Amino acid sequence: MGSLETEEKKTETVSSGAVSSDDRCTEQDIREDILEATVRLFNRKGMKFTMDDLAAELHRSKKTIYVYFPDKKHLLYDMVDYIFDSIKEDEQKVYENRKMDIVERIRRILGVMPDRYQNVDFRQLYNLREKYPAVYRHLKERLESGWESTVELLKEGMRQGRIRRFSIPVFQTMMEATLEQFFQRDILFESGLTYHAALQEVVDILVKGIVICDP
């Protein structure tokens, strides 16, 4: 997986003792607060939000933010990881839920979107390509990685005779390519669909194409 370090030397964002956290907040708490606020601002303003906006949203100084994130590029880069890590956590919950029907597990793991991000305007992400190409490449890498649990469920569906046998790499490529098109072009803006709604449509089309017996 690529990283900002491959293109530039990444500044150490948190040094030992750099922030004197109070009794209620650890450095990890503050970092997560900053990332959550970034997601909220991104949803409201897209790429136009400033570090001043972020400081106001957090009721903290910009100096505190810069201890953790030296610039907006690193902030957006880590925001991508923060969102995708949450998605992967929810995917793992679906994967481990053996009480659920295998077809429903496949449907849900393909369309996972944590509740707190379902209203986030991910259509804005296509702007990353020109303004922050390193962050955009990282977004693509995250889209294309972490398929292990999904592949296991697809194989299990085949073993149970619930879905037909097909090339999993081709299926994966179709899913990835479709989602990448959402970020490379303004398809979602033109169609008036949210990212979450479009994702559910894609999943519905793909799953209906592989199911043998969907109760």
Foldseek 3Di string as FASTA:
>chain_A
DDDVCVVPNDDQQADVPPDDDDPVDDPVRVLVLLLVLVLVCCQVPNPPDDLVNSCVSSVHDSVSVCSRPVHVLSSLLVSLVVQLVVLLVVLVVLLPPPVDDLLVSLLCSQQGGPPVCLSRQCLSLLVCCPVPVNSNVSNLVSLLDDCVSSVVSVVVCVVVVFWPDDDVVVLSCVSSVVLVVSSNDSVCVVVVHGSSRVSSVVSVVSSVVTGPDDD
